[in-house]
Every structure is written in structure tokens, then in C-alpha cells.
């Protein structure tokens, strides 16, 4: 049976595939907290690697959870002009 990858599992699979610098919402507590923090805080990082100690970002910090997110530029319409 096929199981859909989500959250930190998806980030690990993307790194295993060879992807680099994956934008992620990050947390040291859970995938859910990483995503909920996006409302009030800016806990995002470009994740470059993973080992048994966590996900490592371009700044050299380790995070226990990293959920891949999509970052794209706003359009003029989205900005309200």
C-alpha cells in the first residue's frame, strides 16, 4: 500500500533524492508546531542536510523537524495594486 510522505518525512526523502536548500518551516517540537508558528513567527530555513541530530540549515543550525513549504513572489494583484 502506498503511503503519502508529508512533513519532515517528505523533507528527508527530498534530501535523499539529492535536493538541496529546501525551504522549510522548522521547529524542535513537532511538524504541527513548525506549521502553526508560521502565523505569528517566521521560523523558516533553507535545509541542506539531515543526520541523526536533525535537519541542518544554511546558517548551520540543527532543527528536529522541517516541513517543506512553498515560497513564491507576490503578484501585483495579490499585493492589492
N, C-alpha and C. Protein backbone atom coordinates (compact mmCIF):
# COMPACT_ATOMS: atom_id res chain seq x y z
N UNK A 1 0.83 -1.18 0.00
CA UNK A 1 0.00 0.00 0.00
C UNK A 1 0.88 1.25 0.00
N UNK A 2 0.51 2.24 -0.78
CA UNK A 2 1.25 3.49 -0.92
C UNK A 2 0.92 4.42 0.25
N UNK A 3 1.96 4.95 0.92
CA UNK A 3 1.77 5.91 1.99
C UNK A 3 2.35 7.25 1.54
N UNK A 4 1.52 8.29 1.57
CA UNK A 4 1.97 9.61 1.15
C UNK A 4 2.94 10.20 2.16
N UNK A 5 4.06 10.71 1.67
CA UNK A 5 5.04 11.35 2.53
C UNK A 5 4.60 12.78 2.82
N UNK A 6 4.71 13.19 4.08
CA UNK A 6 4.37 14.54 4.48
C UNK A 6 5.37 15.03 5.52
N UNK A 7 5.37 16.32 5.77
CA UNK A 7 6.16 16.89 6.86
C UNK A 7 7.64 16.58 6.75
N UNK A 8 8.23 16.31 7.91
CA UNK A 8 9.67 16.04 7.97
C UNK A 8 10.06 14.80 7.18
N UNK A 9 9.16 13.81 7.09
CA UNK A 9 9.45 12.61 6.28
C UNK A 9 9.66 12.99 4.82
N UNK A 10 8.84 13.93 4.32
CA UNK A 10 8.98 14.38 2.94
C UNK A 10 10.31 15.11 2.75
N UNK A 11 10.69 15.93 3.72
CA UNK A 11 11.97 16.65 3.62
C UNK A 11 13.13 15.66 3.57
N UNK A 12 13.10 14.63 4.44
CA UNK A 12 14.17 13.61 4.41
C UNK A 12 14.23 12.91 3.06
N UNK A 13 13.07 12.57 2.51
CA UNK A 13 13.03 11.90 1.21
C UNK A 13 13.58 12.81 0.10
N UNK A 14 13.26 14.09 0.16
CA UNK A 14 13.78 15.04 -0.84
C UNK A 14 15.30 15.16 -0.74
N UNK A 15 15.83 15.20 0.49
CA UNK A 15 17.28 15.25 0.67
C UNK A 15 17.94 13.97 0.17
N UNK A 16 17.32 12.81 0.47
CA UNK A 16 17.84 11.52 -0.01
C UNK A 16 17.88 11.48 -1.54
N UNK A 17 16.91 12.13 -2.17
CA UNK A 17 16.83 12.17 -3.62
C UNK A 17 17.91 13.07 -4.22
N UNK A 18 18.49 13.94 -3.39
CA UNK A 18 19.54 14.83 -3.88
C UNK A 18 19.15 16.29 -3.91
N UNK A 19 17.94 16.61 -3.48
CA UNK A 19 17.53 18.02 -3.43
C UNK A 19 18.40 18.75 -2.41
N UNK A 20 18.63 20.03 -2.67
CA UNK A 20 19.41 20.85 -1.74
C UNK A 20 18.68 22.16 -1.50
N UNK A 21 18.95 22.75 -0.35
CA UNK A 21 18.38 24.03 0.02
C UNK A 21 16.86 24.05 -0.14
N UNK A 22 16.19 23.23 0.66
CA UNK A 22 14.74 23.12 0.65
C UNK A 22 14.17 24.10 1.68
N UNK A 23 13.32 25.03 1.25
CA UNK A 23 12.69 25.95 2.20
C UNK A 23 11.73 25.16 3.07
N UNK A 24 11.88 25.33 4.40
CA UNK A 24 11.06 24.59 5.35
C UNK A 24 10.61 25.48 6.50
N UNK A 25 9.45 25.14 7.06
CA UNK A 25 9.05 25.65 8.36
C UNK A 25 9.71 24.72 9.36
N UNK A 26 10.37 25.26 10.38
CA UNK A 26 11.17 24.44 11.29
C UNK A 26 10.72 24.58 12.74
N UNK A 27 11.00 23.53 13.52
CA UNK A 27 10.68 23.51 14.94
C UNK A 27 11.53 22.44 15.61
N UNK A 28 11.67 22.53 16.91
CA UNK A 28 12.32 21.47 17.67
C UNK A 28 11.32 20.60 18.41
N UNK A 29 10.01 20.84 18.17
CA UNK A 29 8.99 20.08 18.89
C UNK A 29 8.15 19.15 18.02
N UNK A 30 7.67 19.63 16.85
CA UNK A 30 6.83 18.79 16.00
C UNK A 30 6.61 19.45 14.65
N UNK A 31 6.15 18.65 13.69
CA UNK A 31 5.77 19.19 12.38
C UNK A 31 4.61 20.17 12.55
N UNK A 32 3.66 19.81 13.40
CA UNK A 32 2.49 20.64 13.61
C UNK A 32 2.89 22.02 14.16
N UNK A 33 3.81 22.04 15.11
CA UNK A 33 4.25 23.32 15.66
C UNK A 33 5.00 24.13 14.61
N UNK A 34 5.79 23.46 13.79
CA UNK A 34 6.51 24.18 12.73
C UNK A 34 5.53 24.94 11.85
N UNK A 35 4.42 24.32 11.50
CA UNK A 35 3.44 24.97 10.64
C UNK A 35 2.61 25.99 11.39
N UNK A 36 2.27 25.73 12.64
CA UNK A 36 1.45 26.69 13.39
C UNK A 36 2.22 27.94 13.71
N UNK A 37 3.54 27.86 13.87
CA UNK A 37 4.36 29.02 14.15
C UNK A 37 4.39 30.00 12.98
N UNK A 38 3.99 29.57 11.80
CA UNK A 38 4.02 30.46 10.64
C UNK A 38 3.02 31.60 10.78
N UNK A 39 2.05 31.47 11.66
CA UNK A 39 1.06 32.52 11.84
C UNK A 39 1.67 33.73 12.56
N UNK A 40 2.41 33.48 13.63
CA UNK A 40 2.93 34.58 14.45
C UNK A 40 4.43 34.78 14.35
N UNK A 41 5.15 33.81 13.87
CA UNK A 41 6.61 33.87 13.84
C UNK A 41 7.13 33.48 12.47
N UNK A 42 8.36 33.81 12.22
CA UNK A 42 8.98 33.47 10.94
C UNK A 42 10.06 32.42 11.15
N UNK A 43 9.66 31.22 11.50
CA UNK A 43 10.60 30.13 11.68
C UNK A 43 10.71 29.34 10.39
N UNK A 44 11.45 29.91 9.43
CA UNK A 44 11.71 29.23 8.18
C UNK A 44 13.22 29.16 7.98
N UNK A 45 13.64 28.14 7.25
CA UNK A 45 15.06 27.96 6.99
C UNK A 45 15.22 27.17 5.70
N UNK A 46 16.37 27.37 5.04
CA UNK A 46 16.71 26.55 3.87
C UNK A 46 17.50 25.36 4.38
N UNK A 47 16.90 24.19 4.31
CA UNK A 47 17.51 22.96 4.82
C UNK A 47 18.42 22.37 3.76
N UNK A 48 19.64 22.01 4.20
CA UNK A 48 20.65 21.48 3.27
C UNK A 48 20.96 20.01 3.49
N UNK A 49 20.78 19.52 4.75
CA UNK A 49 21.15 18.13 5.02
C UNK A 49 20.42 17.62 6.26
N UNK A 50 20.54 16.31 6.48
CA UNK A 50 19.92 15.65 7.63
C UNK A 50 20.85 14.56 8.14
N UNK A 51 20.95 14.44 9.46
CA UNK A 51 21.61 13.29 10.07
C UNK A 51 20.86 12.95 11.37
N UNK A 52 21.43 12.06 12.17
CA UNK A 52 20.71 11.62 13.38
C UNK A 52 20.50 12.73 14.40
N UNK A 53 21.12 13.89 14.22
CA UNK A 53 20.95 15.02 15.14
C UNK A 53 19.93 16.03 14.63
N UNK A 54 19.52 15.92 13.38
CA UNK A 54 18.49 16.82 12.87
C UNK A 54 18.73 17.31 11.46
N UNK A 55 17.92 18.29 11.09
CA UNK A 55 17.99 18.94 9.80
C UNK A 55 18.88 20.17 9.93
N UNK A 56 19.81 20.34 9.02
CA UNK A 56 20.74 21.46 9.08
C UNK A 56 20.41 22.49 8.02
N UNK A 57 20.35 23.75 8.46
CA UNK A 57 20.04 24.84 7.54
C UNK A 57 21.32 25.52 7.06
N UNK A 58 21.16 26.45 6.14
CA UNK A 58 22.31 27.15 5.55
C UNK A 58 23.07 27.96 6.60
N UNK A 59 22.44 28.29 7.73
CA UNK A 59 23.11 29.04 8.81
C UNK A 59 23.85 28.11 9.77
N UNK A 60 23.76 26.79 9.54
CA UNK A 60 24.47 25.83 10.37
C UNK A 60 23.71 25.35 11.60
N UNK A 61 22.49 25.84 11.80
CA UNK A 61 21.68 25.40 12.94
C UNK A 61 21.01 24.07 12.63
N UNK A 62 20.79 23.27 13.69
CA UNK A 62 20.10 21.99 13.54
C UNK A 62 18.68 22.13 14.08
N UNK A 63 17.73 21.54 13.38
CA UNK A 63 16.32 21.53 13.77
C UNK A 63 15.85 20.08 13.79
N UNK A 64 14.97 19.75 14.73
CA UNK A 64 14.46 18.38 14.82
C UNK A 64 13.36 18.10 13.80
N UNK A 65 12.62 19.14 13.41
CA UNK A 65 11.52 18.98 12.46
C UNK A 65 11.63 20.05 11.38
N UNK A 66 11.38 19.64 10.13
CA UNK A 66 11.46 20.57 9.00
C UNK A 66 10.41 20.17 7.97
N UNK A 67 9.40 21.01 7.79
CA UNK A 67 8.30 20.76 6.87
C UNK A 67 8.52 21.59 5.61
N UNK A 68 8.63 20.94 4.43
CA UNK A 68 8.86 21.72 3.22
C UNK A 68 7.68 22.64 2.93
N UNK A 69 8.00 23.88 2.56
CA UNK A 69 6.97 24.86 2.24
C UNK A 69 7.28 25.47 0.89
N UNK A 70 6.30 26.10 0.31
CA UNK A 70 6.45 26.76 -0.98
C UNK A 70 6.54 28.25 -0.75
N UNK A 71 7.59 28.87 -1.24
CA UNK A 71 7.75 30.32 -1.16
C UNK A 71 7.78 30.84 -2.58
N UNK A 72 6.89 31.77 -2.86
CA UNK A 72 6.85 32.35 -4.20
C UNK A 72 6.60 33.86 -4.08
N UNK A 73 7.05 34.61 -5.06
CA UNK A 73 6.86 36.06 -5.02
C UNK A 73 5.38 36.43 -5.17
N UNK A 74 5.00 37.51 -4.52
CA UNK A 74 3.64 38.03 -4.68
C UNK A 74 3.47 38.63 -6.06
N UNK A 75 2.28 38.51 -6.59
CA UNK A 75 1.96 39.20 -7.83
C UNK A 75 1.38 40.58 -7.49
N UNK A 76 1.26 41.42 -8.47
CA UNK A 76 0.68 42.74 -8.27
C UNK A 76 -0.74 42.61 -7.74
N UNK A 77 -1.53 41.70 -8.27
CA UNK A 77 -2.91 41.50 -7.82
C UNK A 77 -2.95 41.04 -6.37
N UNK A 78 -2.08 40.10 -6.00
CA UNK A 78 -2.05 39.61 -4.61
C UNK A 78 -1.67 40.72 -3.63
N UNK A 79 -0.85 41.67 -4.09
CA UNK A 79 -0.44 42.78 -3.24
C UNK A 79 -1.49 43.88 -3.17
N UNK A 80 -2.53 43.76 -3.97
CA UNK A 80 -3.63 44.72 -3.93
C UNK A 80 -3.44 45.97 -4.76
N UNK A 81 -2.65 45.89 -5.82
CA UNK A 81 -2.45 47.06 -6.69
C UNK A 81 -3.15 46.88 -8.01
